[in-house]
Amino acid sequence: MRIIRDLGDGHAWTLHEGLLDDGRRVFVKKGAGDAAGVLESEAAGLRWLAEPRAVAVPEVLAAEGGTLLLEWIDTAPATAVAAERFGRDLAALHAAGAGAFGAPWPGYIAELPMDNDPAPDWPSFYVSRRVLPFVRLARDRGVLPARDVSLVEEACDRVAEVAGPPEPPSRIHGDLWSGNLLWSRGGGAVLVDPAAHGGHRETDLAMLALFGAPRLDTILGAYREAAPLAAGWRERVPLHQLHPLAVHVCLFGEAYRGSLLTAAGDVLAM
């Protein structure tokens, strides 16, 4: 394999387009040190998401020595037909389920470690593995003052009460913002860069909404036809956005503090 084009960098790794000896183009991520574990976790998540054959993911061609090689995806704008199909396919992916809330490999989101140890139910998993660790990391980094941490902790105390009816673990992407949803030239959706684990299916839907996935209404409409959501799902969107917003505060600082506090306030008002 040889590198034919540099694509920039992301977090703790560099991105490239490569060419295999057989002429296939590949997407290459290169990291060093702790980044090797991040890339191995990404590979494990991609393979797990591929198992049900519900939504396309790039084939993992290699993941070792701090290098991740993935099938190259040629992209195109999202179409209404592709968005409707993705909504149905995402419902099928979620329905494939998981053995527990969590995952059997070490978790990461960007370069930040994420605890994937199982928990007995989704509210306890979400609070103890997804929200509070990043809120406290932001505090330790000097981004969130104590009063902000207390507000999010108060919201976390209400998660079990406002989470809606209990559901079994779904097979979720875990970081499904619009940048991790590609639209291939063949017309289908392709999921990339997951933080995959057994979680709550509304988490993926809330993440799609957070930064405005294209044709979101079409995606959600097709999803709900295939797998109806419990009453109150729209009101629970801020609940499921607490985790990604806390992560963004850790990664990018003050710019996301207001959004995190707004989401926490919305949860307290539920």
C-alpha atoms as a PDB file:
ATOM      1  CA  MET A   1       0.000   0.000   0.000  1.00  0.00           C
ATOM      2  CA  ARG A   2       1.238   3.484  -0.806  1.00  0.00           C
ATOM      3  CA  ILE A   3      -0.153   6.866   0.189  1.00  0.00           C
ATOM      4  CA  ILE A   4      -1.308   8.897  -2.803  1.00  0.00           C
ATOM      5  CA  ARG A   5      -2.949  11.864  -1.062  1.00  0.00           C
ATOM      6  CA  ASP A   6      -2.958  13.466   2.377  1.00  0.00           C
ATOM      7  CA  LEU A   7      -6.421  14.340   3.658  1.00  0.00           C
ATOM      8  CA  GLY A   8      -5.436  16.279   6.770  1.00  0.00           C
ATOM      9  CA  ASP A   9      -5.642  15.191  10.371  1.00  0.00           C
ATOM     10  CA  GLY A  10      -8.268  14.484  12.971  1.00  0.00           C
ATOM     11  CA  HIS A  11      -7.669  14.461  16.705  1.00  0.00           C
ATOM     12  CA  ALA A  12      -4.645  12.183  17.315  1.00  0.00           C
ATOM     13  CA  TRP A  13      -4.218  10.721  13.833  1.00  0.00           C
ATOM     14  CA  THR A  14      -3.559  11.634  10.223  1.00  0.00           C
ATOM     15  CA  LEU A  15      -5.861  10.834   7.297  1.00  0.00           C
ATOM     16  CA  HIS A  16      -4.840   9.694   3.835  1.00  0.00           C
ATOM     17  CA  GLU A  17      -5.994   8.160   0.586  1.00  0.00           C
ATOM     18  CA  GLY A  18      -3.982   5.078  -0.255  1.00  0.00           C
ATOM     19  CA  LEU A  19      -3.625   2.652  -3.141  1.00  0.00           C
ATOM     20  CA  LEU A  20      -3.230  -1.095  -2.714  1.00  0.00           C
ATOM     21  CA  ASP A  21      -1.044  -3.190  -4.962  1.00  0.00           C
ATOM     22  CA  ASP A  22      -4.180  -4.558  -6.652  1.00  0.00           C
ATOM     23  CA  GLY A  23      -5.313  -1.035  -7.580  1.00  0.00           C
ATOM     24  CA  ARG A  24      -7.999  -0.572  -4.933  1.00  0.00           C
ATOM     25  CA  ARG A  25      -8.241   2.832  -3.245  1.00  0.00           C
ATOM     26  CA  VAL A  26      -8.367   2.799   0.550  1.00  0.00           C
ATOM     27  CA  PHE A  27      -8.980   5.250   3.367  1.00  0.00           C
ATOM     28  CA  VAL A  28      -6.036   5.298   5.788  1.00  0.00           C
ATOM     29  CA  LYS A  29      -5.875   6.476   9.384  1.00  0.00           C
ATOM     30  CA  LYS A  30      -2.453   6.578  11.021  1.00  0.00           C
ATOM     31  CA  GLY A  31      -1.802   7.152  14.702  1.00  0.00           C
ATOM     32  CA  ALA A  32       0.902   6.549  17.248  1.00  0.00           C
ATOM     33  CA  GLY A  33       0.973   5.600  20.911  1.00  0.00           C
ATOM     34  CA  ASP A  34      -2.502   5.597  22.466  1.00  0.00           C
ATOM     35  CA  ALA A  35      -4.050   6.284  19.056  1.00  0.00           C
ATOM     36  CA  ALA A  36      -3.414   2.655  18.101  1.00  0.00           C
ATOM     37  CA  GLY A  37      -5.993   1.564  20.675  1.00  0.00           C
ATOM     38  CA  VAL A  38      -8.482   4.084  19.314  1.00  0.00           C
ATOM     39  CA  LEU A  39      -8.140   2.674  15.800  1.00  0.00           C
ATOM     40  CA  GLU A  40      -8.466  -0.926  16.992  1.00  0.00           C
ATOM     41  CA  SER A  41     -11.652   0.046  18.847  1.00  0.00           C
ATOM     42  CA  GLU A  42     -13.005   1.695  15.710  1.00  0.00           C
ATOM     43  CA  ALA A  43     -12.288  -1.458  13.710  1.00  0.00           C
ATOM     44  CA  ALA A  44     -14.080  -3.622  16.296  1.00  0.00           C
ATOM     45  CA  GLY A  45     -17.108  -1.330  16.177  1.00  0.00           C
ATOM     46  CA  LEU A  46     -17.262  -1.325  12.381  1.00  0.00           C
ATOM     47  CA  ARG A  47     -17.106  -5.114  12.226  1.00  0.00           C
ATOM     48  CA  TRP A  48     -19.845  -5.413  14.845  1.00  0.00           C
ATOM     49  CA  LEU A  49     -22.099  -2.953  13.028  1.00  0.00           C
ATOM     50  CA  ALA A  50     -21.539  -4.891   9.800  1.00  0.00           C
ATOM     51  CA  GLU A  51     -22.690  -8.224  11.258  1.00  0.00           C
ATOM     52  CA  PRO A  52     -26.470  -7.771  10.741  1.00  0.00           C
ATOM     53  CA  ARG A  53     -25.943  -6.498   7.162  1.00  0.00           C
ATOM     54  CA  ALA A  54     -28.511  -3.802   7.861  1.00  0.00           C
ATOM     55  CA  VAL A  55     -26.579  -0.589   7.087  1.00  0.00           C
ATOM     56  CA  ALA A  56     -23.426  -0.406   5.004  1.00  0.00           C
ATOM     57  CA  VAL A  57     -20.105   0.240   6.731  1.00  0.00           C
ATOM     58  CA  PRO A  58     -16.681   0.345   5.056  1.00  0.00           C
ATOM     59  CA  GLU A  59     -14.900  -2.993   5.076  1.00  0.00           C
ATOM     60  CA  VAL A  60     -12.022  -3.135   7.550  1.00  0.00           C
ATOM     61  CA  LEU A  61      -9.030  -4.269   5.505  1.00  0.00           C
ATOM     62  CA  ALA A  62      -6.421  -4.007   8.269  1.00  0.00           C
ATOM     63  CA  ALA A  63      -6.122  -2.639  11.799  1.00  0.00           C
ATOM     64  CA  GLU A  64      -2.703  -3.060  13.350  1.00  0.00           C
ATOM     65  CA  GLY A  65       0.428  -1.177  14.267  1.00  0.00           C
ATOM     66  CA  GLY A  66      -1.349   2.149  14.575  1.00  0.00           C
ATOM     67  CA  THR A  67      -2.801   1.994  11.044  1.00  0.00           C
ATOM     68  CA  LEU A  68      -6.407   1.454  10.020  1.00  0.00           C
ATOM     69  CA  LEU A  69      -7.180   0.620   6.379  1.00  0.00           C
ATOM     70  CA  LEU A  70     -10.779   0.930   5.243  1.00  0.00           C
ATOM     71  CA  GLU A  71     -12.610   0.443   1.991  1.00  0.00           C
ATOM     72  CA  TRP A  72     -12.779   3.745   0.095  1.00  0.00           C
ATOM     73  CA  ILE A  73     -16.248   5.283  -0.250  1.00  0.00           C
ATOM     74  CA  ASP A  74     -17.023   7.658  -3.116  1.00  0.00           C
ATOM     75  CA  THR A  75     -19.626  10.080  -1.824  1.00  0.00           C
ATOM     76  CA  ALA A  76     -22.551  11.986  -3.305  1.00  0.00           C
ATOM     77  CA  PRO A  77     -25.359  14.204  -1.957  1.00  0.00           C
ATOM     78  CA  ALA A  78     -28.132  12.531   0.019  1.00  0.00           C
ATOM     79  CA  THR A  79     -31.297  11.773  -1.932  1.00  0.00           C
ATOM     80  CA  ALA A  80     -34.811  11.353  -0.590  1.00  0.00           C
ATOM     81  CA  VAL A  81     -34.819   7.699  -1.663  1.00  0.00           C
ATOM     82  CA  ALA A  82     -31.520   7.020   0.097  1.00  0.00           C
ATOM     83  CA  ALA A  83     -32.667   8.819   3.257  1.00  0.00           C
ATOM     84  CA  GLU A  84     -35.891   6.795   3.409  1.00  0.00           C
ATOM     85  CA  ARG A  85     -33.983   3.560   2.959  1.00  0.00           C
ATOM     86  CA  PHE A  86     -31.488   4.574   5.631  1.00  0.00           C
ATOM     87  CA  GLY A  87     -34.284   5.213   8.132  1.00  0.00           C
ATOM     88  CA  ARG A  88     -35.581   1.683   7.635  1.00  0.00           C
ATOM     89  CA  ASP A  89     -32.096   0.168   7.645  1.00  0.00           C
ATOM     90  CA  LEU A  90     -31.108   1.998  10.825  1.00  0.00           C
ATOM     91  CA  ALA A  91     -34.178   0.550  12.520  1.00  0.00           C
ATOM     92  CA  ALA A  92     -33.037  -2.924  11.418  1.00  0.00           C
ATOM     93  CA  LEU A  93     -29.539  -2.301  12.748  1.00  0.00           C
ATOM     94  CA  HIS A  94     -30.907  -1.260  16.126  1.00  0.00           C
ATOM     95  CA  ALA A  95     -33.221  -4.267  16.207  1.00  0.00           C
ATOM     96  CA  ALA A  96     -30.215  -6.589  15.786  1.00  0.00           C
ATOM     97  CA  GLY A  97     -29.566  -5.815  19.422  1.00  0.00           C
ATOM     98  CA  ALA A  98     -26.617  -6.288  21.741  1.00  0.00           C
ATOM     99  CA  GLY A  99     -25.749  -8.616  24.576  1.00  0.00           C
ATOM    100  CA  ALA A 100     -25.729  -5.809  27.137  1.00  0.00           C
ATOM    101  CA  PHE A 101     -25.600  -2.074  27.571  1.00  0.00           C
ATOM    102  CA  GLY A 102     -21.922  -1.650  26.746  1.00  0.00           C
ATOM    103  CA  ALA A 103     -19.442  -3.503  24.543  1.00  0.00           C
ATOM    104  CA  PRO A 104     -16.716  -6.151  24.955  1.00  0.00           C
ATOM    105  CA  TRP A 105     -13.935  -3.889  23.633  1.00  0.00           C
ATOM    106  CA  PRO A 106     -12.411  -0.685  25.075  1.00  0.00           C
ATOM    107  CA  GLY A 107     -14.390   2.352  24.017  1.00  0.00           C
ATOM    108  CA  TYR A 108     -13.269   5.702  22.638  1.00  0.00           C
ATOM    109  CA  ILE A 109     -14.952   8.782  21.291  1.00  0.00           C
ATOM    110  CA  ALA A 110     -12.477  10.879  19.315  1.00  0.00           C
ATOM    111  CA  GLU A 111      -9.283  10.266  21.324  1.00  0.00           C
ATOM    112  CA  LEU A 112     -11.069  10.180  24.688  1.00  0.00           C
ATOM    113  CA  PRO A 113     -11.345   6.799  26.455  1.00  0.00           C
ATOM    114  CA  MET A 114     -14.900   5.675  27.098  1.00  0.00           C
ATOM    115  CA  ASP A 115     -15.959   2.990  29.578  1.00  0.00           C
ATOM    116  CA  ASN A 116     -17.793   0.169  27.802  1.00  0.00           C
ATOM    117  CA  ASP A 117     -18.203  -2.072  30.860  1.00  0.00           C
ATOM    118  CA  PRO A 118     -21.763  -3.423  30.964  1.00  0.00           C
ATOM    119  CA  ALA A 119     -24.415  -1.988  33.258  1.00  0.00           C
ATOM    120  CA  PRO A 120     -27.720  -3.603  34.261  1.00  0.00           C
ATOM    121  CA  ASP A 121     -29.948  -0.984  32.640  1.00  0.00           C
ATOM    122  CA  TRP A 122     -29.687   1.921  30.232  1.00  0.00           C
ATOM    123  CA  PRO A 123     -30.151   4.802  32.719  1.00  0.00           C
ATOM    124  CA  SER A 124     -27.318   3.594  34.942  1.00  0.00           C
ATOM    125  CA  PHE A 125     -25.106   2.875  31.922  1.00  0.00           C
ATOM    126  CA  TYR A 126     -25.762   6.271  30.379  1.00  0.00           C
ATOM    127  CA  VAL A 127     -25.152   8.251  33.549  1.00  0.00           C
ATOM    128  CA  SER A 128     -22.117   6.356  34.846  1.00  0.00           C
ATOM    129  CA  ARG A 129     -20.408   5.468  31.540  1.00  0.00           C
ATOM    130  CA  ARG A 130     -21.374   8.268  29.167  1.00  0.00           C
ATOM    131  CA  VAL A 131     -22.354  11.542  30.842  1.00  0.00           C
ATOM    132  CA  LEU A 132     -20.676  11.975  34.231  1.00  0.00           C
ATOM    133  CA  PRO A 133     -17.149  10.877  33.218  1.00  0.00           C
ATOM    134  CA  PHE A 134     -16.979  13.595  30.556  1.00  0.00           C
ATOM    135  CA  VAL A 135     -18.636  16.266  32.673  1.00  0.00           C
ATOM    136  CA  ARG A 136     -16.050  15.634  35.379  1.00  0.00           C
ATOM    137  CA  LEU A 137     -13.243  15.579  32.825  1.00  0.00           C
ATOM    138  CA  ALA A 138     -14.392  18.983  31.592  1.00  0.00           C
ATOM    139  CA  ARG A 139     -14.359  20.204  35.194  1.00  0.00           C
ATOM    140  CA  ASP A 140     -10.854  18.863  35.718  1.00  0.00           C
ATOM    141  CA  ARG A 141      -9.712  20.614  32.536  1.00  0.00           C
ATOM    142  CA  GLY A 142     -11.071  23.898  33.859  1.00  0.00           C
ATOM    143  CA  VAL A 143     -13.843  24.239  31.269  1.00  0.00           C
ATOM    144  CA  LEU A 144     -16.879  23.626  33.495  1.00  0.00           C
ATOM    145  CA  PRO A 145     -17.177  25.363  36.884  1.00  0.00           C
ATOM    146  CA  ALA A 146     -18.614  23.490  39.858  1.00  0.00           C
ATOM    147  CA  ARG A 147     -22.088  25.039  39.462  1.00  0.00           C
ATOM    148  CA  ASP A 148     -22.331  23.736  35.900  1.00  0.00           C
ATOM    149  CA  VAL A 149     -21.263  20.273  36.983  1.00  0.00           C
ATOM    150  CA  SER A 150     -23.916  20.333  39.705  1.00  0.00           C
ATOM    151  CA  LEU A 151     -26.612  21.230  37.168  1.00  0.00           C
ATOM    152  CA  VAL A 152     -25.713  18.295  34.918  1.00  0.00           C
ATOM    153  CA  GLU A 153     -25.516  15.989  37.938  1.00  0.00           C
ATOM    154  CA  GLU A 154     -29.041  17.077  38.905  1.00  0.00           C
ATOM    155  CA  ALA A 155     -30.196  16.221  35.383  1.00  0.00           C
ATOM    156  CA  CYS A 156     -28.498  12.827  35.672  1.00  0.00           C
ATOM    157  CA  ASP A 157     -30.443  12.151  38.869  1.00  0.00           C
ATOM    158  CA  ARG A 158     -33.627  12.335  36.761  1.00  0.00           C
ATOM    159  CA  VAL A 159     -32.529  10.066  33.908  1.00  0.00           C
ATOM    160  CA  ALA A 160     -34.232   6.926  35.229  1.00  0.00           C
ATOM    161  CA  GLU A 161     -37.455   8.892  35.732  1.00  0.00           C
ATOM    162  CA  VAL A 162     -37.600  10.530  32.304  1.00  0.00           C
ATOM    163  CA  ALA A 163     -35.951   7.894  30.058  1.00  0.00           C
ATOM    164  CA  GLY A 164     -39.251   6.428  28.876  1.00  0.00           C
ATOM    165  CA  PRO A 165     -40.262   2.774  28.899  1.00  0.00           C
ATOM    166  CA  PRO A 166     -37.386   0.309  29.379  1.00  0.00           C
ATOM    167  CA  GLU A 167     -36.028  -1.130  26.131  1.00  0.00           C
ATOM    168  CA  PRO A 168     -33.505  -3.903  25.486  1.00  0.00           C
ATOM    169  CA  PRO A 169     -30.014  -2.912  24.322  1.00  0.00           C
ATOM    170  CA  SER A 170     -29.939  -1.774  20.713  1.00  0.00           C
ATOM    171  CA  ARG A 171     -26.961  -2.102  18.375  1.00  0.00           C
ATOM    172  CA  ILE A 172     -26.085   1.569  17.990  1.00  0.00           C
ATOM    173  CA  HIS A 173     -23.418   3.586  16.199  1.00  0.00           C
ATOM    174  CA  GLY A 174     -22.910   5.772  19.255  1.00  0.00           C
ATOM    175  CA  ASP A 175     -21.515   8.886  17.513  1.00  0.00           C
ATOM    176  CA  LEU A 176     -23.958   9.322  14.652  1.00  0.00           C
ATOM    177  CA  TRP A 177     -23.570  12.987  13.808  1.00  0.00           C
ATOM    178  CA  SER A 178     -23.922  13.994  10.174  1.00  0.00           C
ATOM    179  CA  GLY A 179     -20.160  13.823   9.516  1.00  0.00           C
ATOM    180  CA  ASN A 180     -20.153  10.118  10.354  1.00  0.00           C
ATOM    181  CA  LEU A 181     -22.973   9.400   7.901  1.00  0.00           C
ATOM    182  CA  LEU A 182     -21.728   9.203   4.314  1.00  0.00           C
ATOM    183  CA  TRP A 183     -23.897   8.932   1.211  1.00  0.00           C
ATOM    184  CA  SER A 184     -22.301   6.767  -1.438  1.00  0.00           C
ATOM    185  CA  ARG A 185     -22.444   7.331  -5.176  1.00  0.00           C
ATOM    186  CA  GLY A 186     -24.394   4.101  -5.321  1.00  0.00           C
ATOM    187  CA  GLY A 187     -27.131   5.898  -3.409  1.00  0.00           C
ATOM    188  CA  GLY A 188     -26.931   4.242   0.001  1.00  0.00           C
ATOM    189  CA  ALA A 189     -25.921   5.447   3.442  1.00  0.00           C
ATOM    190  CA  VAL A 190     -22.595   4.326   4.917  1.00  0.00           C
ATOM    191  CA  LEU A 191     -21.742   4.582   8.620  1.00  0.00           C
ATOM    192  CA  VAL A 192     -18.181   5.530   9.591  1.00  0.00           C
ATOM    193  CA  ASP A 193     -16.149   6.369  12.708  1.00  0.00           C
ATOM    194  CA  PRO A 194     -18.410   4.696  15.273  1.00  0.00           C
ATOM    195  CA  ALA A 195     -18.338   4.594  19.054  1.00  0.00           C
ATOM    196  CA  ALA A 196     -20.447   1.450  18.749  1.00  0.00           C
ATOM    197  CA  HIS A 197     -22.007  -0.296  21.734  1.00  0.00           C
ATOM    198  CA  GLY A 198     -25.214  -1.680  23.096  1.00  0.00           C
ATOM    199  CA  GLY A 199     -27.234   1.389  23.965  1.00  0.00           C
ATOM    200  CA  HIS A 200     -30.577   3.143  23.534  1.00  0.00           C
ATOM    201  CA  ARG A 201     -31.781   3.551  19.967  1.00  0.00           C
ATOM    202  CA  GLU A 202     -32.986   7.094  20.632  1.00  0.00           C
ATOM    203  CA  THR A 203     -29.339   8.064  21.210  1.00  0.00           C
ATOM    204  CA  ASP A 204     -28.486   7.609  17.523  1.00  0.00           C
ATOM    205  CA  LEU A 205     -31.574   9.561  16.471  1.00  0.00           C
ATOM    206  CA  ALA A 206     -30.768  12.424  18.842  1.00  0.00           C
ATOM    207  CA  MET A 207     -27.221  12.562  17.527  1.00  0.00           C
ATOM    208  CA  LEU A 208     -28.476  12.806  13.937  1.00  0.00           C
ATOM    209  CA  ALA A 209     -30.508  15.823  15.033  1.00  0.00           C
ATOM    210  CA  LEU A 210     -27.717  17.518  17.004  1.00  0.00           C
ATOM    211  CA  PHE A 211     -25.820  18.896  14.014  1.00  0.00           C
ATOM    212  CA  GLY A 212     -28.519  18.566  11.378  1.00  0.00           C
ATOM    213  CA  ALA A 213     -28.226  15.418   9.276  1.00  0.00           C
ATOM    214  CA  PRO A 214     -29.465  15.969   5.699  1.00  0.00           C
ATOM    215  CA  ARG A 215     -33.053  14.918   5.024  1.00  0.00           C
ATOM    216  CA  LEU A 216     -33.547  14.235   8.724  1.00  0.00           C
ATOM    217  CA  ASP A 217     -37.355  14.350   8.569  1.00  0.00           C
ATOM    218  CA  THR A 218     -37.349  11.665   5.870  1.00  0.00           C
ATOM    219  CA  ILE A 219     -34.949   9.487   7.867  1.00  0.00           C
ATOM    220  CA  LEU A 220     -37.015   9.791  11.039  1.00  0.00           C
ATOM    221  CA  GLY A 221     -40.301   9.195   9.248  1.00  0.00           C
ATOM    222  CA  ALA A 222     -39.060   5.966   7.660  1.00  0.00           C
ATOM    223  CA  TYR A 223     -37.489   4.868  10.942  1.00  0.00           C
ATOM    224  CA  ARG A 224     -40.706   5.379  12.878  1.00  0.00           C
ATOM    225  CA  GLU A 225     -42.717   3.463  10.284  1.00  0.00           C
ATOM    226  CA  ALA A 226     -40.333   0.515  10.618  1.00  0.00           C
ATOM    227  CA  ALA A 227     -39.865   0.738  14.398  1.00  0.00           C
ATOM    228  CA  PRO A 228     -42.305   3.049  16.219  1.00  0.00           C
ATOM    229  CA  LEU A 229     -40.828   5.049  19.078  1.00  0.00           C
ATOM    230  CA  ALA A 230     -42.307   5.365  22.554  1.00  0.00           C
ATOM    231  CA  ALA A 231     -44.424   8.422  23.272  1.00  0.00           C
ATOM    232  CA  GLY A 232     -42.385  11.445  24.267  1.00  0.00           C
ATOM    233  CA  TRP A 233     -39.332  10.620  22.146  1.00  0.00           C
ATOM    234  CA  ARG A 234     -39.028  14.158  20.808  1.00  0.00           C
ATOM    235  CA  GLU A 235     -38.975  15.580  24.333  1.00  0.00           C
ATOM    236  CA  ARG A 236     -36.221  13.113  25.253  1.00  0.00           C
ATOM    237  CA  VAL A 237     -33.835  14.367  22.559  1.00  0.00           C
ATOM    238  CA  PRO A 238     -31.958  16.704  24.985  1.00  0.00           C
ATOM    239  CA  LEU A 239     -31.508  13.783  27.383  1.00  0.00           C
ATOM    240  CA  HIS A 240     -29.695  11.783  24.706  1.00  0.00           C
ATOM    241  CA  GLN A 241     -27.635  14.810  23.698  1.00  0.00           C
ATOM    242  CA  LEU A 242     -26.076  15.275  27.144  1.00  0.00           C
ATOM    243  CA  HIS A 243     -23.302  12.803  26.330  1.00  0.00           C
ATOM    244  CA  PRO A 244     -22.158  14.195  22.970  1.00  0.00           C
ATOM    245  CA  LEU A 245     -22.361  17.756  24.263  1.00  0.00           C
ATOM    246  CA  ALA A 246     -20.255  16.880  27.317  1.00  0.00           C
ATOM    247  CA  VAL A 247     -17.712  15.260  24.986  1.00  0.00           C
ATOM    248  CA  HIS A 248     -17.651  18.395  22.816  1.00  0.00           C
ATOM    249  CA  VAL A 249     -17.001  20.551  25.873  1.00  0.00           C
ATOM    250  CA  CYS A 250     -14.023  18.315  26.707  1.00  0.00           C
ATOM    251  CA  LEU A 251     -12.689  18.454  23.146  1.00  0.00           C
ATOM    252  CA  PHE A 252     -13.532  22.008  22.074  1.00  0.00           C
ATOM    253  CA  GLY A 253     -14.104  23.932  25.270  1.00  0.00           C
ATOM    254  CA  GLU A 254     -16.351  26.858  26.054  1.00  0.00           C
ATOM    255  CA  ALA A 255     -18.155  26.923  22.689  1.00  0.00           C
ATOM    256  CA  TYR A 256     -20.378  23.984  23.674  1.00  0.00           C
ATOM    257  CA  ARG A 257     -20.894  24.837  27.352  1.00  0.00           C
ATOM    258  CA  GLY A 258     -24.130  26.733  26.744  1.00  0.00           C
ATOM    259  CA  SER A 259     -25.644  23.908  24.695  1.00  0.00           C
ATOM    260  CA  LEU A 260     -24.790  21.385  27.416  1.00  0.00           C
ATOM    261  CA  LEU A 261     -26.377  23.500  30.112  1.00  0.00           C
ATOM    262  CA  THR A 262     -29.478  24.090  27.977  1.00  0.00           C
ATOM    263  CA  ALA A 263     -29.882  20.341  27.462  1.00  0.00           C
ATOM    264  CA  ALA A 264     -29.477  19.731  31.189  1.00  0.00           C
ATOM    265  CA  GLY A 265     -32.105  22.363  31.909  1.00  0.00           C
ATOM    266  CA  ASP A 266     -34.471  20.740  29.414  1.00  0.00           C
ATOM    267  CA  VAL A 267     -34.053  17.384  31.175  1.00  0.00           C
ATOM    268  CA  LEU A 268     -34.803  18.980  34.550  1.00  0.00           C
ATOM    269  CA  ALA A 269     -37.964  20.548  33.056  1.00  0.00           C
ATOM    270  CA  MET A 270     -39.306  17.224  31.749  1.00  0.00           C
END
